Amino acid sequence: AWFRQAPGKEREGVLCISSSDVRTYYADSVKGRFTISRDN
């Protein structure tokens, strides 16, 4: 998973990829803009 912390803000989840390649978005603001991928 990717988390991010902006200045003065709490750390928030952004996006995750599971071992079976299921993607989960935790921040609605990045949908359509951020993608996650893996190269095992």
Full PDB file with SEQRES, HELIX, SHEET, SSBOND, CRYST1, ORIGX, SCALE, CONECT and MASTER records, all heavy atoms in Angstrom:
SEQRES   1 A   40  ALA TRP PHE ARG GLN ALA PRO GLY LYS GLU ARG GLU GLY          
SEQRES   2 A   40  VAL LEU CYS ILE SER SER SER ASP VAL ARG THR TYR TYR          
SEQRES   3 A   40  ALA ASP SER VAL LYS GLY ARG PHE THR ILE SER ARG ASP          
SEQRES   4 A   40  ASN                                                          
HELIX    1 AA1 ASP A   28  VAL A   30  5                                   3    
SHEET    1 AA1 3 TRP A   2  ARG A   4  0                                        
SHEET    2 AA1 3 GLU A  12  ILE A  17 -1                                        
SHEET    3 AA1 3 ARG A  23  TYR A  25 -1                                        
CRYST1    1.000    1.000    1.000  90.00  90.00  90.00 P 1           1          
ORIGX1      1.000000  0.000000  0.000000        0.00000                         
ORIGX2      0.000000  1.000000  0.000000        0.00000                         
ORIGX3      0.000000  0.000000  1.000000        0.00000                         
SCALE1      1.000000  0.000000  0.000000        0.00000                         
SCALE2      0.000000  1.000000  0.000000        0.00000                         
SCALE3      0.000000  0.000000  1.000000        0.00000                         
ATOM      1  N   ALA A   1       0.835  -1.191   0.000  1.00  0.00           N  
ATOM      2  CA  ALA A   1       0.000   0.000   0.000  1.00  0.00           C  
ATOM      3  C   ALA A   1       0.870   1.240   0.000  1.00  0.00           C  
ATOM      4  O   ALA A   1       2.006   1.229   0.482  1.00  0.00           O  
ATOM      5  CB  ALA A   1      -0.926   0.015   1.212  1.00  0.00           C  
ATOM      6  N   TRP A   2       0.319   2.287  -0.548  1.00  0.00           N  
ATOM      7  CA  TRP A   2       0.931   3.602  -0.471  1.00  0.00           C  
ATOM      8  C   TRP A   2       0.113   4.482   0.464  1.00  0.00           C  
ATOM      9  O   TRP A   2      -1.121   4.563   0.339  1.00  0.00           O  
ATOM     10  CB  TRP A   2       1.036   4.258  -1.843  1.00  0.00           C  
ATOM     11  CG  TRP A   2       2.035   3.597  -2.737  1.00  0.00           C  
ATOM     12  CD1 TRP A   2       1.797   2.603  -3.638  1.00  0.00           C  
ATOM     13  CD2 TRP A   2       3.435   3.874  -2.803  1.00  0.00           C  
ATOM     14  NE1 TRP A   2       2.958   2.244  -4.268  1.00  0.00           N  
ATOM     15  CE2 TRP A   2       3.982   3.004  -3.780  1.00  0.00           C  
ATOM     16  CE3 TRP A   2       4.283   4.768  -2.147  1.00  0.00           C  
ATOM     17  CZ2 TRP A   2       5.345   3.011  -4.101  1.00  0.00           C  
ATOM     18  CZ3 TRP A   2       5.634   4.765  -2.469  1.00  0.00           C  
ATOM     19  CH2 TRP A   2       6.150   3.895  -3.431  1.00  0.00           C  
ATOM     20  N   PHE A   3       0.798   5.118   1.395  1.00  0.00           N  
ATOM     21  CA  PHE A   3       0.227   6.113   2.282  1.00  0.00           C  
ATOM     22  C   PHE A   3       0.904   7.445   2.020  1.00  0.00           C  
ATOM     23  O   PHE A   3       2.017   7.494   1.503  1.00  0.00           O  
ATOM     24  CB  PHE A   3       0.413   5.722   3.753  1.00  0.00           C  
ATOM     25  CG  PHE A   3      -0.383   4.520   4.175  1.00  0.00           C  
ATOM     26  CD1 PHE A   3       0.068   3.238   3.918  1.00  0.00           C  
ATOM     27  CD2 PHE A   3      -1.590   4.676   4.837  1.00  0.00           C  
ATOM     28  CE1 PHE A   3      -0.659   2.125   4.308  1.00  0.00           C  
ATOM     29  CE2 PHE A   3      -2.324   3.571   5.236  1.00  0.00           C  
ATOM     30  CZ  PHE A   3      -1.863   2.302   4.971  1.00  0.00           C  
ATOM     31  N   ARG A   4       0.243   8.509   2.387  1.00  0.00           N  
ATOM     32  CA  ARG A   4       0.860   9.820   2.247  1.00  0.00           C  
ATOM     33  C   ARG A   4       0.494  10.701   3.428  1.00  0.00           C  
ATOM     34  O   ARG A   4      -0.551  10.539   4.049  1.00  0.00           O  
ATOM     35  CB  ARG A   4       0.457  10.496   0.932  1.00  0.00           C  
ATOM     36  CG  ARG A   4      -1.005  10.878   0.827  1.00  0.00           C  
ATOM     37  CD  ARG A   4      -1.307  11.460  -0.551  1.00  0.00           C  
ATOM     38  NE  ARG A   4      -2.692  11.875  -0.685  1.00  0.00           N  
ATOM     39  CZ  ARG A   4      -3.234  12.346  -1.795  1.00  0.00           C  
ATOM     40  NH1 ARG A   4      -2.496  12.474  -2.896  1.00  0.00           N  
ATOM     41  NH2 ARG A   4      -4.511  12.700  -1.819  1.00  0.00           N  
ATOM     42  N   GLN A   5       1.372  11.643   3.707  1.00  0.00           N  
ATOM     43  CA  GLN A   5       1.142  12.590   4.783  1.00  0.00           C  
ATOM     44  C   GLN A   5       1.518  13.980   4.300  1.00  0.00           C  
ATOM     45  O   GLN A   5       2.686  14.260   4.029  1.00  0.00           O  
ATOM     46  CB  GLN A   5       1.940  12.228   6.034  1.00  0.00           C  
ATOM     47  CG  GLN A   5       1.608  13.088   7.231  1.00  0.00           C  
ATOM     48  CD  GLN A   5       2.136  12.511   8.521  1.00  0.00           C  
ATOM     49  OE1 GLN A   5       3.048  11.691   8.526  1.00  0.00           O  
ATOM     50  NE2 GLN A   5       1.553  12.938   9.631  1.00  0.00           N  
ATOM     51  N   ALA A   6       0.520  14.820   4.173  1.00  0.00           N  
ATOM     52  CA  ALA A   6       0.729  16.204   3.793  1.00  0.00           C  
ATOM     53  C   ALA A   6       1.070  17.025   5.025  1.00  0.00           C  
ATOM     54  O   ALA A   6       0.741  16.645   6.155  1.00  0.00           O  
ATOM     55  CB  ALA A   6      -0.522  16.756   3.115  1.00  0.00           C  
ATOM     56  N   PRO A   7       1.726  18.170   4.833  1.00  0.00           N  
ATOM     57  CA  PRO A   7       2.068  19.012   5.982  1.00  0.00           C  
ATOM     58  C   PRO A   7       0.842  19.367   6.811  1.00  0.00           C  
ATOM     59  O   PRO A   7      -0.166  19.835   6.283  1.00  0.00           O  
ATOM     60  CB  PRO A   7       2.681  20.251   5.327  1.00  0.00           C  
ATOM     61  CG  PRO A   7       3.217  19.761   4.022  1.00  0.00           C  
ATOM     62  CD  PRO A   7       2.239  18.719   3.567  1.00  0.00           C  
ATOM     63  N   GLY A   8       0.923  19.129   8.108  1.00  0.00           N  
ATOM     64  CA  GLY A   8      -0.159  19.448   9.010  1.00  0.00           C  
ATOM     65  C   GLY A   8      -1.343  18.504   8.957  1.00  0.00           C  
ATOM     66  O   GLY A   8      -2.357  18.772   9.611  1.00  0.00           O  
ATOM     67  N   LYS A   9      -1.239  17.425   8.208  1.00  0.00           N  
ATOM     68  CA  LYS A   9      -2.336  16.480   8.048  1.00  0.00           C  
ATOM     69  C   LYS A   9      -1.966  15.114   8.618  1.00  0.00           C  
ATOM     70  O   LYS A   9      -0.790  14.785   8.788  1.00  0.00           O  
ATOM     71  CB  LYS A   9      -2.688  16.316   6.569  1.00  0.00           C  
ATOM     72  CG  LYS A   9      -3.100  17.588   5.857  1.00  0.00           C  
ATOM     73  CD  LYS A   9      -4.526  17.964   6.159  1.00  0.00           C  
ATOM     74  CE  LYS A   9      -4.984  19.110   5.277  1.00  0.00           C  
ATOM     75  NZ  LYS A   9      -6.418  19.431   5.483  1.00  0.00           N  
ATOM     76  N   GLU A  10      -2.984  14.325   8.910  1.00  0.00           N  
ATOM     77  CA  GLU A  10      -2.762  12.943   9.301  1.00  0.00           C  
ATOM     78  C   GLU A  10      -2.391  12.106   8.084  1.00  0.00           C  
ATOM     79  O   GLU A  10      -2.772  12.414   6.958  1.00  0.00           O  
ATOM     80  CB  GLU A  10      -4.005  12.353   9.960  1.00  0.00           C  
ATOM     81  CG  GLU A  10      -4.350  12.952  11.299  1.00  0.00           C  
ATOM     82  CD  GLU A  10      -5.495  12.241  11.974  1.00  0.00           C  
ATOM     83  OE1 GLU A  10      -6.048  11.289  11.382  1.00  0.00           O  
ATOM     84  OE2 GLU A  10      -5.839  12.619  13.099  1.00  0.00           O  
ATOM     85  N   ARG A  11      -1.654  11.047   8.320  1.00  0.00           N  
ATOM     86  CA  ARG A  11      -1.308  10.133   7.252  1.00  0.00           C  
ATOM     87  C   ARG A  11      -2.556   9.406   6.769  1.00  0.00           C  
ATOM     88  O   ARG A  11      -3.376   8.958   7.576  1.00  0.00           O  
ATOM     89  CB  ARG A  11      -0.255   9.133   7.726  1.00  0.00           C  
ATOM     90  CG  ARG A  11       0.284   8.241   6.621  1.00  0.00           C  
ATOM     91  CD  ARG A  11       1.579   7.576   7.040  1.00  0.00           C  
ATOM     92  NE  ARG A  11       1.435   6.806   8.268  1.00  0.00           N  
ATOM     93  CZ  ARG A  11       2.442   6.208   8.886  1.00  0.00           C  
ATOM     94  NH1 ARG A  11       3.679   6.295   8.391  1.00  0.00           N  
ATOM     95  NH2 ARG A  11       2.226   5.531   9.996  1.00  0.00           N  
ATOM     96  N   GLU A  12      -2.704   9.299   5.458  1.00  0.00           N  
ATOM     97  CA  GLU A  12      -3.866   8.659   4.885  1.00  0.00           C  
ATOM     98  C   GLU A  12      -3.458   7.600   3.873  1.00  0.00           C  
ATOM     99  O   GLU A  12      -2.431   7.717   3.208  1.00  0.00           O  
ATOM    100  CB  GLU A  12      -4.778   9.683   4.196  1.00  0.00           C  
ATOM    101  CG  GLU A  12      -4.155  10.349   2.979  1.00  0.00           C  
ATOM    102  CD  GLU A  12      -5.132  11.182   2.169  1.00  0.00           C  
ATOM    103  OE1 GLU A  12      -6.355  11.057   2.384  1.00  0.00           O  
ATOM    104  OE2 GLU A  12      -4.676  11.965   1.308  1.00  0.00           O  
ATOM    105  N   GLY A  13      -4.279   6.570   3.765  1.00  0.00           N  
ATOM    106  CA  GLY A  13      -4.070   5.573   2.740  1.00  0.00           C  
ATOM    107  C   GLY A  13      -4.412   6.132   1.376  1.00  0.00           C  
ATOM    108  O   GLY A  13      -5.347   6.923   1.231  1.00  0.00           O  
ATOM    109  N   VAL A  14      -3.665   5.711   0.373  1.00  0.00           N  
ATOM    110  CA  VAL A  14      -3.864   6.175  -0.988  1.00  0.00           C  
ATOM    111  C   VAL A  14      -4.369   5.047  -1.881  1.00  0.00           C  
ATOM    112  O   VAL A  14      -5.469   5.117  -2.438  1.00  0.00           O  
ATOM    113  CB  VAL A  14      -2.576   6.781  -1.572  1.00  0.00           C  
ATOM    114  CG1 VAL A  14      -2.809   7.273  -2.993  1.00  0.00           C  
ATOM    115  CG2 VAL A  14      -2.063   7.911  -0.685  1.00  0.00           C  
ATOM    116  N   LEU A  15      -3.562   3.999  -1.986  1.00  0.00           N  
ATOM    117  CA  LEU A  15      -3.835   2.941  -2.947  1.00  0.00           C  
ATOM    118  C   LEU A  15      -3.070   1.701  -2.536  1.00  0.00           C  
ATOM    119  O   LEU A  15      -1.982   1.798  -1.975  1.00  0.00           O  
ATOM    120  CB  LEU A  15      -3.415   3.401  -4.348  1.00  0.00           C  
ATOM    121  CG  LEU A  15      -3.734   2.554  -5.570  1.00  0.00           C  
ATOM    122  CD1 LEU A  15      -5.228   2.304  -5.690  1.00  0.00           C  
ATOM    123  CD2 LEU A  15      -3.209   3.236  -6.825  1.00  0.00           C  
ATOM    124  N   CYS A  16      -3.624   0.537  -2.836  1.00  0.00           N  
ATOM    125  CA  CYS A  16      -3.011  -0.716  -2.421  1.00  0.00           C  
ATOM    126  C   CYS A  16      -3.175  -1.757  -3.512  1.00  0.00           C  
ATOM    127  O   CYS A  16      -4.160  -1.734  -4.255  1.00  0.00           O  
ATOM    128  CB  CYS A  16      -3.643  -1.220  -1.124  1.00  0.00           C  
ATOM    129  SG  CYS A  16      -2.918  -2.742  -0.461  1.00  0.00           S  
ATOM    130  N   ILE A  17      -2.212  -2.652  -3.600  1.00  0.00           N  
ATOM    131  CA  ILE A  17      -2.322  -3.821  -4.464  1.00  0.00           C  
ATOM    132  C   ILE A  17      -2.066  -5.060  -3.615  1.00  0.00           C  
ATOM    133  O   ILE A  17      -1.073  -5.144  -2.885  1.00  0.00           O  
ATOM    134  CB  ILE A  17      -1.355  -3.733  -5.665  1.00  0.00           C  
ATOM    135  CG1 ILE A  17      -1.571  -4.909  -6.616  1.00  0.00           C  
ATOM    136  CG2 ILE A  17       0.093  -3.619  -5.226  1.00  0.00           C  
ATOM    137  CD1 ILE A  17      -0.861  -4.733  -7.959  1.00  0.00           C  
ATOM    138  N   SER A  18      -2.977  -6.020  -3.679  1.00  0.00           N  
ATOM    139  CA  SER A  18      -2.862  -7.228  -2.879  1.00  0.00           C  
ATOM    140  C   SER A  18      -1.962  -8.242  -3.572  1.00  0.00           C  
ATOM    141  O   SER A  18      -1.528  -8.055  -4.708  1.00  0.00           O  
ATOM    142  CB  SER A  18      -4.243  -7.837  -2.628  1.00  0.00           C  
ATOM    143  OG  SER A  18      -4.714  -8.504  -3.779  1.00  0.00           O  
ATOM    144  N   SER A  19      -1.695  -9.343  -2.875  1.00  0.00           N  
ATOM    145  CA  SER A  19      -0.879 -10.407  -3.457  1.00  0.00           C  
ATOM    146  C   SER A  19      -1.525 -11.018  -4.694  1.00  0.00           C  
ATOM    147  O   SER A  19      -0.818 -11.562  -5.542  1.00  0.00           O  
ATOM    148  CB  SER A  19      -0.607 -11.493  -2.419  1.00  0.00           C  
ATOM    149  OG  SER A  19      -1.800 -12.123  -2.009  1.00  0.00           O  
ATOM    150  N   SER A  20      -2.850 -10.941  -4.794  1.00  0.00           N  
ATOM    151  CA  SER A  20      -3.570 -11.446  -5.954  1.00  0.00           C  
ATOM    152  C   SER A  20      -3.907 -10.343  -6.956  1.00  0.00           C  
ATOM    153  O   SER A  20      -4.746 -10.539  -7.834  1.00  0.00           O  
ATOM    154  CB  SER A  20      -4.844 -12.165  -5.522  1.00  0.00           C  
ATOM    155  OG  SER A  20      -5.691 -11.314  -4.779  1.00  0.00           O  
ATOM    156  N   ASP A  21      -3.280  -9.184  -6.812  1.00  0.00           N  
ATOM    157  CA  ASP A  21      -3.386  -8.065  -7.746  1.00  0.00           C  
ATOM    158  C   ASP A  21      -4.730  -7.359  -7.696  1.00  0.00           C  
ATOM    159  O   ASP A  21      -5.116  -6.697  -8.661  1.00  0.00           O  
ATOM    160  CB  ASP A  21      -3.072  -8.492  -9.175  1.00  0.00           C  
ATOM    161  CG  ASP A  21      -1.599  -8.745  -9.407  1.00  0.00           C  
ATOM    162  OD1 ASP A  21      -0.776  -8.254  -8.609  1.00  0.00           O  
ATOM    163  OD2 ASP A  21      -1.266  -9.438 -10.386  1.00  0.00           O  
ATOM    164  N   VAL A  22      -5.443  -7.469  -6.586  1.00  0.00           N  
ATOM    165  CA  VAL A  22      -6.645  -6.675  -6.392  1.00  0.00           C  
ATOM    166  C   VAL A  22      -6.238  -5.266  -5.962  1.00  0.00           C  
ATOM    167  O   VAL A  22      -5.485  -5.091  -5.006  1.00  0.00           O  
ATOM    168  CB  VAL A  22      -7.568  -7.302  -5.346  1.00  0.00           C  
ATOM    169  CG1 VAL A  22      -8.775  -6.407  -5.080  1.00  0.00           C  
ATOM    170  CG2 VAL A  22      -8.022  -8.679  -5.798  1.00  0.00           C  
ATOM    171  N   ARG A  23      -6.729  -4.284  -6.678  1.00  0.00           N  
ATOM    172  CA  ARG A  23      -6.434  -2.886  -6.357  1.00  0.00           C  
ATOM    173  C   ARG A  23      -7.536  -2.288  -5.493  1.00  0.00           C  
ATOM    174  O   ARG A  23      -8.717  -2.529  -5.726  1.00  0.00           O  
ATOM    175  CB  ARG A  23      -6.308  -2.051  -7.632  1.00  0.00           C  
ATOM    176  CG  ARG A  23      -4.939  -2.051  -8.273  1.00  0.00           C  
ATOM    177  CD  ARG A  23      -4.671  -3.286  -9.089  1.00  0.00           C  
ATOM    178  NE  ARG A  23      -3.553  -3.063 -10.017  1.00  0.00           N  
ATOM    179  CZ  ARG A  23      -2.979  -4.012 -10.747  1.00  0.00           C  
ATOM    180  NH1 ARG A  23      -3.432  -5.262 -10.674  1.00  0.00           N  
ATOM    181  NH2 ARG A  23      -1.979  -3.706 -11.552  1.00  0.00           N  
ATOM    182  N   THR A  24      -7.135  -1.501  -4.512  1.00  0.00           N  
ATOM    183  CA  THR A  24      -8.073  -0.824  -3.637  1.00  0.00           C  
ATOM    184  C   THR A  24      -7.663   0.627  -3.492  1.00  0.00           C  
ATOM    185  O   THR A  24      -6.510   0.917  -3.154  1.00  0.00           O  
ATOM    186  CB  THR A  24      -8.126  -1.473  -2.252  1.00  0.00           C  
ATOM    187  OG1 THR A  24      -8.465  -2.862  -2.376  1.00  0.00           O  
ATOM    188  CG2 THR A  24      -9.173  -0.790  -1.382  1.00  0.00           C  
ATOM    189  N   TYR A  25      -8.594   1.527  -3.757  1.00  0.00           N  
ATOM    190  CA  TYR A  25      -8.365   2.955  -3.568  1.00  0.00           C  
ATOM    191  C   TYR A  25      -8.879   3.366  -2.200  1.00  0.00           C  
ATOM    192  O   TYR A  25     -10.018   3.047  -1.830  1.00  0.00           O  
ATOM    193  CB  TYR A  25      -9.068   3.774  -4.642  1.00  0.00           C  
ATOM    194  CG  TYR A  25      -8.408   3.715  -5.991  1.00  0.00           C  
ATOM    195  CD1 TYR A  25      -8.731   2.725  -6.911  1.00  0.00           C  
ATOM    196  CD2 TYR A  25      -7.454   4.663  -6.358  1.00  0.00           C  
ATOM    197  CE1 TYR A  25      -8.116   2.670  -8.154  1.00  0.00           C  
ATOM    198  CE2 TYR A  25      -6.843   4.611  -7.603  1.00  0.00           C  
ATOM    199  CZ  TYR A  25      -7.178   3.614  -8.496  1.00  0.00           C  
ATOM    200  OH  TYR A  25      -6.572   3.559  -9.733  1.00  0.00           O  
ATOM    201  N   TYR A  26      -8.065   4.084  -1.467  1.00  0.00           N  
ATOM    202  CA  TYR A  26      -8.462   4.604  -0.168  1.00  0.00           C  
ATOM    203  C   TYR A  26      -8.688   6.109  -0.189  1.00  0.00           C  
ATOM    204  O   TYR A  26      -9.316   6.644   0.731  1.00  0.00           O  
ATOM    205  CB  TYR A  26      -7.420   4.248   0.894  1.00  0.00           C  
ATOM    206  CG  TYR A  26      -7.289   2.756   1.080  1.00  0.00           C  
ATOM    207  CD1 TYR A  26      -6.157   2.082   0.654  1.00  0.00           C  
ATOM    208  CD2 TYR A  26      -8.313   2.029   1.667  1.00  0.00           C  
ATOM    209  CE1 TYR A  26      -6.044   0.714   0.806  1.00  0.00           C  
ATOM    210  CE2 TYR A  26      -8.209   0.659   1.822  1.00  0.00           C  
ATOM    211  CZ  TYR A  26      -7.076   0.004   1.389  1.00  0.00           C  
ATOM    212  OH  TYR A  26      -6.971  -1.356   1.542  1.00  0.00           O  
ATOM    213  N   ALA A  27      -8.190   6.770  -1.199  1.00  0.00           N  
ATOM    214  CA  ALA A  27      -8.383   8.207  -1.365  1.00  0.00           C  
ATOM    215  C   ALA A  27      -9.146   8.453  -2.655  1.00  0.00           C  
ATOM    216  O   ALA A  27      -8.617   8.241  -3.750  1.00  0.00           O  
ATOM    217  CB  ALA A  27      -7.051   8.941  -1.388  1.00  0.00           C  
ATOM    218  N   ASP A  28     -10.387   8.903  -2.530  1.00  0.00           N  
ATOM    219  CA  ASP A  28     -11.212   9.144  -3.711  1.00  0.00           C  
ATOM    220  C   ASP A  28     -10.583  10.169  -4.642  1.00  0.00           C  
ATOM    221  O   ASP A  28     -10.786  10.118  -5.856  1.00  0.00           O  
ATOM    222  CB  ASP A  28     -12.603   9.615  -3.293  1.00  0.00           C  
ATOM    223  CG  ASP A  28     -13.436   8.514  -2.662  1.00  0.00           C  
ATOM    224  OD1 ASP A  28     -13.103   7.328  -2.837  1.00  0.00           O  
ATOM    225  OD2 ASP A  28     -14.434   8.852  -1.998  1.00  0.00           O  
ATOM    226  N   SER A  29      -9.822  11.081  -4.088  1.00  0.00           N  
ATOM    227  CA  SER A  29      -9.271  12.163  -4.880  1.00  0.00           C  
ATOM    228  C   SER A  29      -8.249  11.700  -5.914  1.00  0.00           C  
ATOM    229  O   SER A  29      -7.951  12.446  -6.850  1.00  0.00           O  
ATOM    230  CB  SER A  29      -8.622  13.212  -3.962  1.00  0.00           C  
ATOM    231  OG  SER A  29      -7.546  12.652  -3.234  1.00  0.00           O  
ATOM    232  N   VAL A  30      -7.709  10.492  -5.773  1.00  0.00           N  
ATOM    233  CA  VAL A  30      -6.685  10.033  -6.711  1.00  0.00           C  
ATOM    234  C   VAL A  30      -7.235   9.071  -7.753  1.00  0.00           C  
ATOM    235  O   VAL A  30      -6.496   8.683  -8.668  1.00  0.00           O  
ATOM    236  CB  VAL A  30      -5.490   9.384  -5.987  1.00  0.00           C  
ATOM    237  CG1 VAL A  30      -4.978  10.296  -4.880  1.00  0.00           C  
ATOM    238  CG2 VAL A  30      -5.848   8.007  -5.443  1.00  0.00           C  
ATOM    239  N   LYS A  31      -8.491   8.692  -7.650  1.00  0.00           N  
ATOM    240  CA  LYS A  31      -9.079   7.779  -8.629  1.00  0.00           C  
ATOM    241  C   LYS A  31      -9.049   8.406 -10.012  1.00  0.00           C  
ATOM    242  O   LYS A  31      -9.392   9.569 -10.189  1.00  0.00           O  
ATOM    243  CB  LYS A  31     -10.514   7.429  -8.239  1.00  0.00           C  
ATOM    244  CG  LYS A  31     -10.624   6.552  -7.010  1.00  0.00           C  
ATOM    245  CD  LYS A  31     -12.075   6.229  -6.685  1.00  0.00           C  
ATOM    246  CE  LYS A  31     -12.171   5.329  -5.477  1.00  0.00           C  
ATOM    247  NZ  LYS A  31     -13.579   5.037  -5.110  1.00  0.00           N  
ATOM    248  N   GLY A  32      -8.635   7.614 -10.992  1.00  0.00           N  
ATOM    249  CA  GLY A  32      -8.496   8.106 -12.343  1.00  0.00           C  
ATOM    250  C   GLY A  32      -7.189   8.797 -12.626  1.00  0.00           C  
ATOM    251  O   GLY A  32      -6.908   9.113 -13.788  1.00  0.00           O  
ATOM    252  N   ARG A  33      -6.389   9.041 -11.601  1.00  0.00           N  
ATOM    253  CA  ARG A  33      -5.109   9.721 -11.775  1.00  0.00           C  
ATOM    254  C   ARG A  33      -3.925   8.867 -11.340  1.00  0.00           C  
ATOM    255  O   ARG A  33      -2.856   8.924 -11.951  1.00  0.00           O  
ATOM    256  CB  ARG A  33      -5.085  11.037 -10.996  1.00  0.00           C  
ATOM    257  CG  ARG A  33      -6.173  12.019 -11.419  1.00  0.00           C  
ATOM    258  CD  ARG A  33      -5.992  13.378 -10.763  1.00  0.00           C  
ATOM    259  NE  ARG A  33      -6.108  13.298  -9.303  1.00  0.00           N  
ATOM    260  CZ  ARG A  33      -5.140  13.609  -8.457  1.00  0.00           C  
ATOM    261  NH1 ARG A  33      -3.958  14.024  -8.910  1.00  0.00           N  
ATOM    262  NH2 ARG A  33      -5.339  13.520  -7.145  1.00  0.00           N  
ATOM    263  N   PHE A  34      -4.099   8.087 -10.286  1.00  0.00           N  
ATOM    264  CA  PHE A  34      -3.018   7.252  -9.753  1.00  0.00           C  
ATOM    265  C   PHE A  34      -3.286   5.797 -10.091  1.00  0.00           C  
ATOM    266  O   PHE A  34      -4.430   5.326 -10.025  1.00  0.00           O  
ATOM    267  CB  PHE A  34      -2.922   7.374  -8.230  1.00  0.00           C  
ATOM    268  CG  PHE A  34      -2.399   8.685  -7.713  1.00  0.00           C  
ATOM    269  CD1 PHE A  34      -2.313   9.803  -8.521  1.00  0.00           C  
ATOM    270  CD2 PHE A  34      -1.989   8.783  -6.395  1.00  0.00           C  
ATOM    271  CE1 PHE A  34      -1.833  11.006  -8.039  1.00  0.00           C  
ATOM    272  CE2 PHE A  34      -1.506   9.974  -5.892  1.00  0.00           C  
ATOM    273  CZ  PHE A  34      -1.430  11.086  -6.714  1.00  0.00           C  
ATOM    274  N   THR A  35      -2.246   5.070 -10.439  1.00  0.00           N  
ATOM    275  CA  THR A  35      -2.342   3.637 -10.650  1.00  0.00           C  
ATOM    276  C   THR A  35      -1.197   2.944  -9.928  1.00  0.00           C  
ATOM    277  O   THR A  35      -0.108   3.498  -9.781  1.00  0.00           O  
ATOM    278  CB  THR A  35      -2.317   3.261 -12.139  1.00  0.00           C  
ATOM    279  OG1 THR A  35      -1.125   3.770 -12.749  1.00  0.00           O  
ATOM    280  CG2 THR A  35      -3.533   3.810 -12.854  1.00  0.00           C  
ATOM    281  N   ILE A  36      -1.461   1.725  -9.498  1.00  0.00           N  
ATOM    282  CA  ILE A  36      -0.458   0.925  -8.828  1.00  0.00           C  
ATOM    283  C   ILE A  36      -0.232  -0.347  -9.631  1.00  0.00           C  
ATOM    284  O   ILE A  36      -1.175  -0.904 -10.204  1.00  0.00           O  
ATOM    285  CB  ILE A  36      -0.873   0.611  -7.372  1.00  0.00           C  
ATOM    286  CG1 ILE A  36       0.282  -0.001  -6.581  1.00  0.00           C  
ATOM    287  CG2 ILE A  36      -2.109  -0.278  -7.319  1.00  0.00           C  
ATOM    288  CD1 ILE A  36       0.010  -0.070  -5.078  1.00  0.00           C  
ATOM    289  N   SER A  37       1.007  -0.789  -9.695  1.00  0.00           N  
ATOM    290  CA  SER A  37       1.347  -1.999 -10.420  1.00  0.00           C  
ATOM    291  C   SER A  37       2.502  -2.688  -9.720  1.00  0.00           C  
ATOM    292  O   SER A  37       3.197  -2.082  -8.901  1.00  0.00           O  
ATOM    293  CB  SER A  37       1.695  -1.701 -11.882  1.00  0.00           C  
ATOM    294  OG  SER A  37       2.818  -0.842 -11.970  1.00  0.00           O  
ATOM    295  N   ARG A  38       2.703  -3.945 -10.049  1.00  0.00           N  
ATOM    296  CA  ARG A  38       3.797  -4.692  -9.454  1.00  0.00           C  
ATOM    297  C   ARG A  38       4.554  -5.456 -10.523  1.00  0.00           C  
ATOM    298  O   ARG A  38       3.995  -5.861 -11.553  1.00  0.00           O  
ATOM    299  CB  ARG A  38       3.279  -5.651  -8.371  1.00  0.00           C  
ATOM    300  CG  ARG A  38       2.539  -6.876  -8.918  1.00  0.00           C  
ATOM    301  CD  ARG A  38       1.761  -7.610  -7.836  1.00  0.00           C  
ATOM    302  NE  ARG A  38       2.557  -7.898  -6.662  1.00  0.00           N  
ATOM    303  CZ  ARG A  38       2.089  -7.870  -5.416  1.00  0.00           C  
ATOM    304  NH1 ARG A  38       0.819  -7.557  -5.194  1.00  0.00           N  
ATOM    305  NH2 ARG A  38       2.888  -8.149  -4.400  1.00  0.00           N  
ATOM    306  N   ASP A  39       5.833  -5.642 -10.282  1.00  0.00           N  
ATOM    307  CA  ASP A  39       6.689  -6.470 -11.109  1.00  0.00           C  
ATOM    308  C   ASP A  39       7.375  -7.435 -10.155  1.00  0.00           C  
ATOM    309  O   ASP A  39       8.375  -7.096  -9.519  1.00  0.00           O  
ATOM    310  CB  ASP A  39       7.699  -5.630 -11.881  1.00  0.00           C  
ATOM    311  CG  ASP A  39       8.526  -6.441 -12.859  1.00  0.00           C  
ATOM    312  OD1 ASP A  39       8.643  -7.671 -12.687  1.00  0.00           O  
ATOM    313  OD2 ASP A  39       9.067  -5.841 -13.808  1.00  0.00           O  
ATOM    314  N   ASN A  40       6.824  -8.634 -10.042  1.00  0.00           N  
ATOM    315  CA  ASN A  40       7.349  -9.587  -9.071  1.00  0.00           C  
ATOM    316  C   ASN A  40       8.778 -10.012  -9.392  1.00  0.00           C  
ATOM    317  O   ASN A  40       9.564 -10.299  -8.484  1.00  0.00           O  
ATOM    318  CB  ASN A  40       6.445 -10.813  -8.997  1.00  0.00           C  
ATOM    319  CG  ASN A  40       5.123 -10.521  -8.321  1.00  0.00           C  
ATOM    320  OD1 ASN A  40       4.971  -9.525  -7.627  1.00  0.00           O  
ATOM    321  ND2 ASN A  40       4.146 -11.396  -8.526  1.00  0.00           N  
TER     322      ASN A  40                                                      
MASTER        0    0    0    1    3    0    0    6  321    1    0    4          
END                                                                             
